[in-house]
N, C-alpha and C. Protein backbone atom coordinates (compact mmCIF):
# COMPACT_ATOMS: atom_id res chain seq x y z
N UNK A 1 94.43 72.48 112.85
CA UNK A 1 95.47 73.37 113.31
C UNK A 1 95.96 74.28 112.18
N UNK A 2 96.02 73.76 110.95
CA UNK A 2 96.47 74.58 109.84
C UNK A 2 95.50 75.71 109.55
N UNK A 3 94.21 75.48 109.69
CA UNK A 3 93.21 76.51 109.45
C UNK A 3 93.42 77.67 110.42
N UNK A 4 93.68 77.36 111.67
CA UNK A 4 93.92 78.41 112.66
C UNK A 4 95.15 79.23 112.27
N UNK A 5 96.20 78.58 111.83
CA UNK A 5 97.42 79.28 111.44
C UNK A 5 97.20 80.16 110.21
N UNK A 6 96.45 79.68 109.26
CA UNK A 6 96.16 80.46 108.06
C UNK A 6 95.32 81.67 108.42
N UNK A 7 94.30 81.49 109.26
CA UNK A 7 93.47 82.62 109.68
C UNK A 7 94.29 83.65 110.44
N UNK A 8 95.16 83.17 111.30
CA UNK A 8 96.00 84.08 112.07
C UNK A 8 96.93 84.86 111.15
N UNK A 9 97.51 84.19 110.19
CA UNK A 9 98.40 84.87 109.25
C UNK A 9 97.65 85.89 108.41
N UNK A 10 96.44 85.56 107.96
CA UNK A 10 95.64 86.50 107.19
C UNK A 10 95.27 87.72 108.03
N UNK A 11 94.89 87.51 109.26
CA UNK A 11 94.55 88.63 110.14
C UNK A 11 95.77 89.52 110.37
N UNK A 12 96.91 88.92 110.61
CA UNK A 12 98.13 89.67 110.80
C UNK A 12 98.49 90.47 109.55
N UNK A 13 98.33 89.87 108.39
CA UNK A 13 98.62 90.54 107.13
C UNK A 13 97.71 91.75 106.94
N UNK A 14 96.42 91.59 107.23
CA UNK A 14 95.47 92.70 107.09
C UNK A 14 95.84 93.84 108.02
N UNK A 15 96.21 93.53 109.25
CA UNK A 15 96.60 94.56 110.22
C UNK A 15 97.84 95.29 109.74
N UNK A 16 98.82 94.56 109.24
CA UNK A 16 100.05 95.19 108.77
C UNK A 16 99.81 96.06 107.54
N UNK A 17 99.01 95.57 106.62
CA UNK A 17 98.75 96.33 105.40
C UNK A 17 97.99 97.61 105.71
N UNK A 18 97.03 97.55 106.60
CA UNK A 18 96.23 98.73 106.88
C UNK A 18 97.05 99.81 107.56
N UNK A 19 98.15 99.47 108.20
CA UNK A 19 98.96 100.46 108.88
C UNK A 19 100.07 101.03 108.02
N UNK A 20 100.39 100.42 106.90
CA UNK A 20 101.49 100.88 106.06
C UNK A 20 101.12 102.16 105.33
N UNK A 21 102.01 103.11 105.38
CA UNK A 21 101.86 104.37 104.63
C UNK A 21 100.54 105.05 104.89
N UNK A 22 100.02 104.93 106.09
CA UNK A 22 98.73 105.55 106.37
C UNK A 22 98.88 106.94 106.95
N UNK A 23 100.10 107.41 107.14
CA UNK A 23 100.31 108.74 107.68
C UNK A 23 100.05 109.76 106.59
N UNK A 24 99.15 110.66 106.86
CA UNK A 24 98.82 111.68 105.87
C UNK A 24 99.79 112.84 105.96
N UNK A 25 99.74 113.72 104.99
CA UNK A 25 100.58 114.90 105.00
C UNK A 25 100.08 115.90 106.02
N UNK A 26 100.89 116.87 106.28
CA UNK A 26 100.50 117.93 107.19
C UNK A 26 100.76 119.26 106.52
N UNK A 27 100.18 120.30 107.06
CA UNK A 27 100.39 121.62 106.49
C UNK A 27 100.47 122.65 107.61
N UNK A 28 101.07 123.77 107.26
CA UNK A 28 101.17 124.88 108.19
C UNK A 28 100.96 126.15 107.38
N UNK A 29 100.00 126.95 107.79
CA UNK A 29 99.72 128.19 107.09
C UNK A 29 100.70 129.26 107.53
N UNK A 30 101.21 130.02 106.58
CA UNK A 30 102.14 131.10 106.89
C UNK A 30 101.41 132.40 107.22
N UNK A 31 100.15 132.46 106.93
CA UNK A 31 99.33 133.63 107.20
C UNK A 31 98.15 133.22 108.07
N UNK A 32 97.61 134.13 108.87
CA UNK A 32 96.42 133.77 109.65
C UNK A 32 95.24 133.50 108.71
N UNK A 33 94.33 132.64 109.13
CA UNK A 33 93.17 132.33 108.27
C UNK A 33 92.34 133.57 107.98
N UNK A 34 91.74 133.57 106.81
CA UNK A 34 90.86 134.68 106.43
C UNK A 34 89.52 134.55 107.14
N UNK A 35 88.92 135.67 107.43
CA UNK A 35 87.55 135.64 107.97
C UNK A 35 86.61 135.28 106.83
N UNK A 36 85.39 134.95 107.16
CA UNK A 36 84.40 134.58 106.13
C UNK A 36 84.16 135.74 105.16
N UNK A 37 84.14 136.95 105.69
CA UNK A 37 83.92 138.13 104.85
C UNK A 37 85.10 138.35 103.90
N UNK A 38 86.33 138.18 104.41
CA UNK A 38 87.51 138.34 103.56
C UNK A 38 87.56 137.25 102.49
N UNK A 39 87.28 136.02 102.87
CA UNK A 39 87.35 134.90 101.93
C UNK A 39 86.30 135.02 100.83
N UNK A 40 85.17 135.61 101.12
CA UNK A 40 84.09 135.73 100.14
C UNK A 40 84.49 136.62 98.95
N UNK A 41 85.50 137.45 99.12
CA UNK A 41 85.95 138.34 98.03
C UNK A 41 86.60 137.57 96.89
N UNK A 42 87.13 136.39 97.18
CA UNK A 42 87.96 135.66 96.22
C UNK A 42 87.16 134.58 95.48
N UNK A 43 87.33 134.56 94.16
CA UNK A 43 86.64 133.54 93.36
C UNK A 43 87.61 132.70 92.52
N UNK A 44 88.87 133.11 92.47
CA UNK A 44 89.87 132.39 91.67
C UNK A 44 91.01 131.94 92.59
N UNK A 45 91.52 130.75 92.32
CA UNK A 45 92.59 130.19 93.15
C UNK A 45 93.65 129.51 92.29
N UNK A 46 94.69 130.24 91.88
CA UNK A 46 95.81 129.56 91.23
C UNK A 46 96.67 128.87 92.29
N UNK A 47 97.13 127.65 92.00
CA UNK A 47 97.93 126.87 92.94
C UNK A 47 99.31 126.65 92.34
N UNK A 48 100.34 126.99 93.11
CA UNK A 48 101.71 126.79 92.67
C UNK A 48 102.39 125.85 93.65
N UNK A 49 103.00 124.80 93.12
CA UNK A 49 103.71 123.81 93.94
C UNK A 49 105.21 124.02 93.77
N UNK A 50 105.92 124.14 94.89
CA UNK A 50 107.37 124.23 94.88
C UNK A 50 107.92 123.20 95.85
N UNK A 51 109.20 122.90 95.68
CA UNK A 51 109.84 121.98 96.62
C UNK A 51 111.02 122.69 97.26
N UNK A 52 111.32 122.29 98.49
CA UNK A 52 112.49 122.85 99.17
C UNK A 52 113.74 122.29 98.51
N UNK A 53 114.90 122.78 98.89
CA UNK A 53 116.14 122.39 98.25
C UNK A 53 116.47 120.92 98.31
N UNK A 54 116.00 120.22 99.32
CA UNK A 54 116.36 118.81 99.47
C UNK A 54 115.38 117.85 98.80
N UNK A 55 114.27 118.36 98.32
CA UNK A 55 113.23 117.51 97.73
C UNK A 55 113.23 117.68 96.21
N UNK A 56 113.28 116.58 95.51
CA UNK A 56 113.22 116.60 94.04
C UNK A 56 111.88 116.05 93.60
N UNK A 57 111.07 116.90 92.99
CA UNK A 57 109.76 116.48 92.48
C UNK A 57 109.77 116.54 90.96
N UNK A 58 109.29 115.48 90.33
CA UNK A 58 109.15 115.53 88.88
C UNK A 58 107.79 116.13 88.53
N UNK A 59 107.59 116.45 87.28
CA UNK A 59 106.34 117.10 86.85
C UNK A 59 105.12 116.22 87.10
N UNK A 60 105.29 114.92 86.97
CA UNK A 60 104.17 114.00 87.22
C UNK A 60 103.72 114.07 88.68
N UNK A 61 104.68 114.11 89.61
CA UNK A 61 104.35 114.20 91.02
C UNK A 61 103.70 115.54 91.35
N UNK A 62 104.23 116.61 90.78
CA UNK A 62 103.64 117.93 91.00
C UNK A 62 102.20 117.96 90.49
N UNK A 63 101.97 117.40 89.32
CA UNK A 63 100.61 117.35 88.77
C UNK A 63 99.68 116.52 89.64
N UNK A 64 100.17 115.39 90.15
CA UNK A 64 99.34 114.54 91.00
C UNK A 64 98.99 115.24 92.32
N UNK A 65 99.97 115.91 92.92
CA UNK A 65 99.73 116.64 94.17
C UNK A 65 98.75 117.78 93.93
N UNK A 66 98.92 118.49 92.83
CA UNK A 66 98.00 119.59 92.50
C UNK A 66 96.58 119.07 92.33
N UNK A 67 96.42 117.95 91.63
CA UNK A 67 95.08 117.39 91.44
C UNK A 67 94.46 116.93 92.76
N UNK A 68 95.28 116.40 93.67
CA UNK A 68 94.76 116.01 94.99
C UNK A 68 94.26 117.24 95.75
N UNK A 69 95.01 118.32 95.69
CA UNK A 69 94.59 119.55 96.37
C UNK A 69 93.29 120.07 95.77
N UNK A 70 93.24 120.14 94.45
CA UNK A 70 92.02 120.62 93.77
C UNK A 70 90.83 119.73 94.11
N UNK A 71 91.04 118.42 94.08
CA UNK A 71 89.95 117.49 94.41
C UNK A 71 89.44 117.67 95.83
N UNK A 72 90.35 117.89 96.78
CA UNK A 72 89.93 118.11 98.16
C UNK A 72 89.16 119.41 98.31
N UNK A 73 89.60 120.46 97.64
CA UNK A 73 88.88 121.74 97.71
C UNK A 73 87.49 121.58 97.11
N UNK A 74 87.41 120.94 95.95
CA UNK A 74 86.12 120.79 95.29
C UNK A 74 85.17 119.88 96.06
N UNK A 75 85.70 118.87 96.74
CA UNK A 75 84.81 117.99 97.48
C UNK A 75 84.34 118.63 98.79
N UNK A 76 85.20 119.44 99.40
CA UNK A 76 84.82 120.11 100.65
C UNK A 76 83.92 121.31 100.41
N UNK A 77 84.23 122.10 99.40
CA UNK A 77 83.47 123.33 99.14
C UNK A 77 83.35 123.50 97.63
N UNK A 78 82.45 122.78 97.04
CA UNK A 78 82.36 122.70 95.58
C UNK A 78 82.05 124.04 94.91
N UNK A 79 81.38 124.95 95.59
CA UNK A 79 81.02 126.23 94.98
C UNK A 79 81.89 127.38 95.46
N UNK A 80 82.94 127.08 96.20
CA UNK A 80 83.77 128.13 96.81
C UNK A 80 84.50 128.98 95.78
N UNK A 81 85.15 128.37 94.80
CA UNK A 81 85.90 129.09 93.77
C UNK A 81 85.32 128.78 92.41
N UNK A 82 85.23 129.80 91.56
CA UNK A 82 84.74 129.58 90.20
C UNK A 82 85.84 129.05 89.29
N UNK A 83 87.08 129.41 89.60
CA UNK A 83 88.22 128.93 88.79
C UNK A 83 89.34 128.52 89.73
N UNK A 84 89.78 127.29 89.59
CA UNK A 84 90.90 126.79 90.39
C UNK A 84 92.03 126.41 89.44
N UNK A 85 93.21 126.92 89.74
CA UNK A 85 94.44 126.63 89.02
C UNK A 85 94.44 127.13 87.58
N UNK A 86 93.81 128.25 87.35
CA UNK A 86 93.90 128.94 86.07
C UNK A 86 94.65 130.24 86.32
N UNK A 87 95.66 130.50 85.52
CA UNK A 87 96.46 131.70 85.72
C UNK A 87 95.63 132.94 85.38
N UNK A 88 95.24 133.64 86.40
CA UNK A 88 94.56 134.91 86.21
C UNK A 88 94.72 135.71 87.50
N UNK A 89 95.24 136.88 87.37
CA UNK A 89 95.43 137.73 88.54
C UNK A 89 94.37 138.81 88.55
N UNK A 90 94.16 139.36 89.69
CA UNK A 90 93.17 140.42 89.84
C UNK A 90 92.73 140.51 91.29
N UNK A 91 91.77 141.37 91.51
CA UNK A 91 91.29 141.60 92.88
C UNK A 91 90.59 140.39 93.48
N UNK A 92 90.07 139.50 92.64
CA UNK A 92 89.33 138.34 93.15
C UNK A 92 90.17 137.07 93.15
N UNK A 93 91.50 137.22 93.04
CA UNK A 93 92.39 136.06 92.99
C UNK A 93 93.11 135.87 94.32
N UNK A 94 92.99 134.69 94.85
CA UNK A 94 93.71 134.28 96.05
C UNK A 94 94.77 133.29 95.61
N UNK A 95 96.05 133.62 95.79
CA UNK A 95 97.12 132.76 95.33
C UNK A 95 97.52 131.77 96.42
N UNK A 96 97.69 130.50 96.03
CA UNK A 96 98.13 129.47 96.97
C UNK A 96 99.51 128.98 96.56
N UNK A 97 100.46 129.09 97.47
CA UNK A 97 101.81 128.59 97.25
C UNK A 97 102.02 127.43 98.21
N UNK A 98 102.28 126.25 97.64
CA UNK A 98 102.50 125.04 98.43
C UNK A 98 103.97 124.67 98.30
N UNK A 99 104.67 124.60 99.44
CA UNK A 99 106.08 124.23 99.44
C UNK A 99 106.21 122.86 100.07
N UNK A 100 106.73 121.90 99.31
CA UNK A 100 106.90 120.53 99.78
C UNK A 100 108.27 120.44 100.45
N UNK A 101 108.27 120.12 101.74
CA UNK A 101 109.53 120.03 102.49
C UNK A 101 110.01 118.59 102.64
N UNK A 102 109.10 117.63 102.62
CA UNK A 102 109.47 116.22 102.75
C UNK A 102 108.56 115.42 101.83
N UNK A 103 109.16 114.56 101.03
CA UNK A 103 108.38 113.79 100.07
C UNK A 103 109.10 112.48 99.79
N UNK A 104 108.37 111.40 99.88
CA UNK A 104 108.91 110.09 99.53
C UNK A 104 108.12 109.56 98.35
N UNK A 105 108.84 109.20 97.31
CA UNK A 105 108.20 108.70 96.10
C UNK A 105 107.42 107.43 96.41
N UNK A 106 106.22 107.35 95.90
CA UNK A 106 105.40 106.18 96.15
C UNK A 106 105.72 105.07 95.15
N UNK A 107 105.23 103.89 95.46
CA UNK A 107 105.46 102.73 94.61
C UNK A 107 104.11 102.30 94.03
N UNK A 108 103.89 102.59 92.77
CA UNK A 108 102.59 102.30 92.14
C UNK A 108 102.30 100.81 92.11
N UNK A 109 103.31 99.99 91.87
CA UNK A 109 103.09 98.54 91.84
C UNK A 109 102.65 98.04 93.20
N UNK A 110 103.25 98.57 94.26
CA UNK A 110 102.87 98.14 95.61
C UNK A 110 101.45 98.61 95.94
N UNK A 111 101.08 99.82 95.48
CA UNK A 111 99.71 100.29 95.74
C UNK A 111 98.69 99.40 95.07
N UNK A 112 99.01 98.94 93.88
CA UNK A 112 98.09 98.05 93.16
C UNK A 112 98.03 96.68 93.82
N UNK A 113 99.17 96.20 94.27
CA UNK A 113 99.23 94.85 94.85
C UNK A 113 98.61 94.81 96.24
N UNK A 114 98.88 95.81 97.05
CA UNK A 114 98.42 95.81 98.44
C UNK A 114 97.83 97.16 98.80
N UNK A 115 96.58 97.21 99.10
CA UNK A 115 95.93 98.44 99.49
C UNK A 115 96.59 98.99 100.75
N UNK A 116 96.80 100.30 100.76
CA UNK A 116 97.40 100.93 101.93
C UNK A 116 98.86 101.25 101.78
N UNK A 117 99.50 100.65 100.79
CA UNK A 117 100.91 100.98 100.57
C UNK A 117 101.00 102.19 99.65
N UNK A 118 102.02 102.95 99.78
CA UNK A 118 102.15 104.05 98.85
C UNK A 118 103.14 105.01 99.28
């Protein structure tokens, strides 16, 4: 009987852990998407992260969010931009402004202890 209870508790724990903090972020574009021809003109992408008045982001969080964005762009379209997040303006520069409206600080110790928390 104890084995059944332990297995049940482990299964319940796995289900609970996998559901914690699994909601991803969302985004909304302020401009209509570029056509393929328009997008092909751009080779540089500087990224600027800002927060709304109610959100306080430290430099470490801004850097981590920026790296996540860069990593996603590079993994989805590795040859799309020749320079990402380098300050350079010009005709081939597409500027990205990211405004964080809601942000909850993650818990690094919990992420290490239990996968799925954060």
